[in-house]
Amino acid sequence: MALLDDAICPNCDAHHSGAYCPTCGQKRPAVSDLSASRFIADVFEAVTNTESKLLRTLRALLLAPGRLTLDYFQGKRQRYLKPVQLFVACNVWFFLMQSVTGFNTFTTPLGVQLNGLPYSPLVKATVFRIYSASGLSEQVFASKFNAISADLAKTLIFVMLPLFALILLPLLWKRGFSYGQHLIFAAHLYSFLLVVMPLVQLFGRLMTMRQLDVIVAVAVGVYGFLAVRRTYGFRSLTSVGLTVLVLIDLGLVVMAYRFLLLVASLISMPRP
């Protein structure tokens, strides 16, 4: 039994006579498409193509700051993972490596929320009131909070991209860059951060947290300068100024993210 009318594409009903439909691009089906050998070949092709595209994207991300973003702006997109796909892949890498390095940069446990952040003095009373109403011991409350926070962190980390882009928007309004373009830049910049931070933490396990923060800040500063200059086409001096603003933007967004994580975790705590 034939799988396809010779003149009609089964996907979009367009009339055609070639091997591929000129309307939707689907290849003409054949009986061999349903064979085991074709299935195995498709699996191999999918794996090798994905790996090749991922490695090509990571190489551009790490070795050529700003190239991914600029290529995306210029329509050169087929050879790379999409910005959101890359961010998701780097997010998975970051949280997998977190269990190896033991650092909780974005997870932010309760102890850090209450004692290690600028807004900590402002939230202590509210957290203590929720803790008192929970009927749980301090240890159990903190344990449940940290578990919930760790789960939410993997999702809420996406909030940083639109926040970062939103702050960039008025800074570069006169340059004609859109909010969507800043989102692409943010996705690539945060992808770099998510890849590099676990590596720094892994190879710097004998260093203090403050020393690691300095190394990451320097790495992001240098990378940000090169990415800004290539992506937005600024001269070196202007790029330095914008890089400083980008670093401030990063710090503000991370702080906002941690506060949102605190609120979401408290709301998600089980009620007595």
Protein backbone atom coordinates (compact mmCIF):
# COMPACT_ATOMS: atom_id res chain seq x y z
CA MET A 1 0.00 0.00 0.00
CA ALA A 2 1.40 3.42 -0.96
CA LEU A 3 2.17 5.81 1.86
CA LEU A 4 1.75 8.96 -0.21
CA ASP A 5 -0.25 10.28 -3.12
CA ASP A 6 2.39 11.25 -5.67
CA ALA A 7 0.91 14.71 -6.12
CA ILE A 8 -0.16 15.71 -2.59
CA CYS A 9 1.91 16.32 0.56
CA PRO A 10 0.27 14.50 3.51
CA ASN A 11 1.50 17.17 5.91
CA CYS A 12 0.10 20.33 4.30
CA ASP A 13 -1.92 19.03 1.31
CA ALA A 14 0.19 21.03 -1.15
CA HIS A 15 0.62 19.60 -4.66
CA HIS A 16 4.21 18.78 -5.63
CA SER A 17 6.31 16.28 -7.53
CA GLY A 18 9.78 16.55 -5.98
CA ALA A 19 11.45 14.65 -3.13
CA TYR A 20 10.60 17.50 -0.71
CA CYS A 21 7.43 19.55 -0.41
CA PRO A 22 8.15 23.14 -1.55
CA THR A 23 5.54 24.49 0.89
CA CYS A 24 6.41 22.87 4.24
CA GLY A 25 9.72 21.19 3.43
CA GLN A 26 8.70 17.70 4.52
CA LYS A 27 10.46 14.83 2.73
CA ARG A 28 8.29 12.50 0.68
CA PRO A 29 7.48 9.48 2.90
CA ALA A 30 8.62 6.03 1.82
CA VAL A 31 8.04 2.48 3.06
CA SER A 32 11.66 2.36 4.29
CA ASP A 33 10.88 5.18 6.75
CA LEU A 34 9.07 2.60 8.91
CA SER A 35 11.96 0.13 9.04
CA ALA A 36 14.13 -0.58 12.08
CA SER A 37 17.26 0.42 10.20
CA ARG A 38 15.76 3.83 9.40
CA PHE A 39 14.82 4.32 13.04
CA ILE A 40 18.38 3.52 14.18
CA ALA A 41 19.81 5.85 11.54
CA ASP A 42 17.49 8.64 12.71
CA VAL A 43 18.60 8.15 16.32
CA PHE A 44 22.27 8.31 15.35
CA GLU A 45 21.69 11.40 13.22
CA ALA A 46 19.77 13.15 16.00
CA VAL A 47 22.47 12.45 18.60
CA THR A 48 25.42 13.44 16.41
CA ASN A 49 23.71 16.57 15.08
CA THR A 50 22.73 17.71 18.58
CA GLU A 51 26.20 17.09 19.97
CA SER A 52 27.84 18.83 17.03
CA LYS A 53 25.59 21.87 17.36
CA LEU A 54 26.03 21.98 21.14
CA LEU A 55 29.83 21.81 20.93
CA ARG A 56 29.89 24.43 18.18
CA THR A 57 27.67 26.70 20.28
CA LEU A 58 29.74 26.25 23.45
CA ARG A 59 32.96 26.89 21.56
CA ALA A 60 31.59 30.18 20.23
CA LEU A 61 30.13 31.08 23.63
CA LEU A 62 33.37 30.55 25.55
CA LEU A 63 36.03 31.53 23.02
CA ALA A 64 34.37 34.35 21.08
CA PRO A 65 32.40 36.61 23.46
CA GLY A 66 29.47 38.24 21.71
CA ARG A 67 29.70 36.20 18.51
CA LEU A 68 26.61 34.10 19.26
CA THR A 69 24.54 37.20 19.94
CA LEU A 70 25.80 39.11 16.92
CA ASP A 71 25.32 36.10 14.62
CA TYR A 72 21.78 35.75 15.93
CA PHE A 73 21.09 39.42 15.23
CA GLN A 74 22.43 38.95 11.69
CA GLY A 75 20.31 35.86 11.05
CA LYS A 76 23.14 33.28 11.25
CA ARG A 77 21.23 30.87 13.48
CA GLN A 78 21.08 27.39 11.96
CA ARG A 79 24.57 26.37 13.08
CA TYR A 80 23.94 27.10 16.78
CA LEU A 81 21.52 26.15 19.53
CA LYS A 82 18.81 28.73 20.07
CA PRO A 83 19.54 31.14 22.97
CA VAL A 84 16.88 29.61 25.24
CA GLN A 85 18.02 26.06 24.40
CA LEU A 86 21.57 27.01 25.30
CA PHE A 87 20.46 28.64 28.55
CA VAL A 88 18.48 25.52 29.52
CA ALA A 89 21.46 23.26 28.75
CA CYS A 90 23.81 25.47 30.79
CA ASN A 91 21.25 25.60 33.60
CA VAL A 92 21.18 21.79 33.77
CA TRP A 93 25.00 21.71 33.78
CA PHE A 94 25.13 24.30 36.58
CA PHE A 95 22.75 22.50 38.93
CA LEU A 96 24.33 19.11 38.25
CA MET A 97 27.76 20.51 39.07
CA GLN A 98 26.39 22.20 42.18
CA SER A 99 26.06 18.76 43.80
CA VAL A 100 29.75 18.17 43.03
CA THR A 101 31.18 21.53 44.09
CA GLY A 102 28.92 21.98 47.11
CA PHE A 103 28.41 25.69 46.39
CA ASN A 104 24.91 27.17 46.42
CA THR A 105 25.32 30.37 44.45
CA PHE A 106 21.73 30.56 43.22
CA THR A 107 20.01 28.12 45.58
CA THR A 108 20.47 30.48 48.56
CA PRO A 109 19.65 28.50 51.75
CA LEU A 110 17.78 30.04 54.66
CA GLY A 111 20.93 30.92 56.61
CA VAL A 112 22.20 33.05 53.74
CA GLN A 113 18.79 34.65 53.22
CA LEU A 114 18.65 35.72 56.86
CA ASN A 115 22.25 36.74 57.45
CA GLY A 116 24.20 37.21 54.23
CA LEU A 117 22.25 39.61 52.01
CA PRO A 118 21.55 43.36 52.11
CA TYR A 119 17.83 42.84 52.64
CA SER A 120 18.32 40.21 55.40
CA PRO A 121 17.56 42.60 58.33
CA LEU A 122 14.29 43.58 56.62
CA VAL A 123 12.94 40.04 56.26
CA LYS A 124 14.00 38.40 59.52
CA ALA A 125 10.83 39.37 61.41
CA THR A 126 8.55 38.03 58.66
CA VAL A 127 10.48 34.76 58.37
CA PHE A 128 10.43 34.32 62.16
CA ARG A 129 6.66 34.88 62.22
CA ILE A 130 6.13 32.21 59.55
CA TYR A 131 8.52 29.87 61.36
CA SER A 132 6.69 30.35 64.67
CA ALA A 133 3.32 29.65 63.06
CA SER A 134 4.61 26.49 61.36
CA GLY A 135 5.00 24.55 64.60
CA LEU A 136 8.24 23.05 63.27
CA SER A 137 11.59 22.97 64.99
CA GLU A 138 14.18 25.39 63.68
CA GLN A 139 16.19 22.60 62.07
CA VAL A 140 13.18 21.01 60.34
CA PHE A 141 11.89 24.40 59.14
CA ALA A 142 15.29 25.30 57.65
CA SER A 143 15.60 21.86 56.05
CA LYS A 144 12.18 22.10 54.40
CA PHE A 145 12.83 25.66 53.27
CA ASN A 146 16.18 24.72 51.71
CA ALA A 147 14.67 21.75 49.87
CA ILE A 148 11.85 23.88 48.46
CA SER A 149 14.28 26.67 47.59
CA ALA A 150 16.57 24.27 45.72
CA ASP A 151 13.65 23.04 43.60
CA LEU A 152 12.31 26.52 42.86
CA ALA A 153 15.77 27.85 41.99
CA LYS A 154 15.93 25.70 38.86
CA THR A 155 12.82 27.44 37.52
CA LEU A 156 13.10 30.94 38.93
CA ILE A 157 16.58 31.36 37.46
CA PHE A 158 14.79 32.11 34.17
CA VAL A 159 13.40 35.28 35.78
CA MET A 160 16.87 36.84 35.65
CA LEU A 161 16.86 37.10 31.86
CA PRO A 162 13.86 39.46 31.45
CA LEU A 163 14.93 41.47 34.50
CA PHE A 164 18.45 41.92 33.14
CA ALA A 165 17.16 42.89 29.69
CA LEU A 166 14.67 45.31 31.22
CA ILE A 167 17.45 47.23 32.96
CA LEU A 168 19.52 47.34 29.77
CA LEU A 169 16.62 48.71 27.72
CA PRO A 170 16.70 52.37 28.92
CA LEU A 171 20.52 52.37 28.93
CA LEU A 172 20.67 51.65 25.19
CA TRP A 173 17.33 53.11 24.11
CA LYS A 174 18.88 55.73 21.82
CA ARG A 175 21.03 53.08 20.11
CA GLY A 176 17.95 51.44 18.63
CA PHE A 177 18.28 48.03 20.26
CA SER A 178 15.02 46.30 21.15
CA TYR A 179 14.06 44.52 24.35
CA GLY A 180 14.16 41.22 22.46
CA GLN A 181 17.77 41.82 21.43
CA HIS A 182 18.72 42.49 25.05
CA LEU A 183 17.03 39.20 25.98
CA ILE A 184 19.27 37.36 23.51
CA PHE A 185 22.34 39.09 24.94
CA ALA A 186 21.20 38.21 28.47
CA ALA A 187 20.66 34.54 27.58
CA HIS A 188 24.20 34.25 26.22
CA LEU A 189 25.81 36.20 29.06
CA TYR A 190 24.06 34.15 31.74
CA SER A 191 24.88 30.94 29.84
CA PHE A 192 28.56 31.88 30.07
CA LEU A 193 28.15 32.56 33.78
CA LEU A 194 26.43 29.21 34.37
CA VAL A 195 29.18 27.32 32.55
CA VAL A 196 32.14 29.10 34.12
CA MET A 197 31.04 29.36 37.76
CA PRO A 198 31.07 25.59 38.48
CA LEU A 199 34.47 25.27 36.79
CA VAL A 200 35.94 28.04 38.92
CA GLN A 201 34.41 26.51 42.03
CA LEU A 202 35.62 23.02 41.10
CA PHE A 203 39.23 24.04 40.54
CA GLY A 204 39.27 26.53 43.38
CA ARG A 205 37.93 24.41 46.21
CA LEU A 206 40.76 25.48 48.51
CA MET A 207 39.88 29.14 48.05
CA THR A 208 37.48 31.14 50.15
CA MET A 209 34.07 32.14 48.81
CA ARG A 210 35.21 35.75 48.58
CA GLN A 211 38.25 34.78 46.47
CA LEU A 212 36.04 32.75 44.15
CA ASP A 213 33.63 35.67 43.81
CA VAL A 214 36.52 37.93 42.79
CA ILE A 215 37.70 35.44 40.14
CA VAL A 216 34.19 35.06 38.74
CA ALA A 217 33.67 38.84 38.75
CA VAL A 218 36.93 39.41 36.85
CA ALA A 219 36.07 36.66 34.34
CA VAL A 220 32.59 38.06 33.77
CA GLY A 221 33.97 41.61 33.55
CA VAL A 222 36.50 40.72 30.84
CA TYR A 223 33.98 38.56 29.01
CA GLY A 224 31.29 41.23 29.32
CA PHE A 225 33.60 43.90 27.90
CA LEU A 226 34.44 41.79 24.85
CA ALA A 227 30.81 40.73 24.38
CA VAL A 228 29.49 44.29 24.67
CA ARG A 229 32.05 45.62 22.20
CA ARG A 230 31.30 42.93 19.61
CA THR A 231 27.52 42.79 20.08
CA TYR A 232 26.66 46.47 20.34
CA GLY A 233 29.54 47.82 18.25
CA PHE A 234 30.85 50.33 20.80
CA ARG A 235 34.34 51.76 20.96
CA SER A 236 36.59 50.45 23.73
CA LEU A 237 36.06 53.35 26.16
CA THR A 238 32.27 53.22 25.78
CA SER A 239 32.38 49.44 26.15
CA VAL A 240 34.23 49.80 29.46
CA GLY A 241 31.50 52.09 30.80
CA LEU A 242 28.73 49.82 29.59
CA THR A 243 30.52 46.78 31.04
CA VAL A 244 30.49 48.44 34.46
CA LEU A 245 26.76 49.02 34.08
CA VAL A 246 26.30 45.41 32.96
CA LEU A 247 28.08 44.15 36.09
CA ILE A 248 25.91 46.39 38.27
CA ASP A 249 22.89 45.08 36.36
CA LEU A 250 23.98 41.49 37.05
CA GLY A 251 24.35 42.20 40.76
CA LEU A 252 20.95 43.87 41.02
CA VAL A 253 19.23 41.07 39.12
CA VAL A 254 20.83 38.33 41.23
CA MET A 255 19.72 40.19 44.36
CA ALA A 256 16.16 40.52 43.02
CA TYR A 257 16.18 36.85 42.06
CA ARG A 258 17.24 35.80 45.57
CA PHE A 259 14.51 37.92 47.12
CA LEU A 260 11.89 36.40 44.78
CA LEU A 261 13.25 32.96 45.68
CA LEU A 262 12.82 33.75 49.37
CA VAL A 263 9.23 34.89 48.88
CA ALA A 264 8.31 31.92 46.65
CA SER A 265 9.90 29.46 49.08
CA LEU A 266 8.05 30.89 52.07
CA ILE A 267 4.76 30.81 50.16
CA SER A 268 5.43 27.16 49.22
CA MET A 269 6.20 26.06 52.79
CA PRO A 270 3.65 23.55 54.14
CA ARG A 271 1.05 25.07 56.40
CA PRO A 272 0.25 23.58 59.84
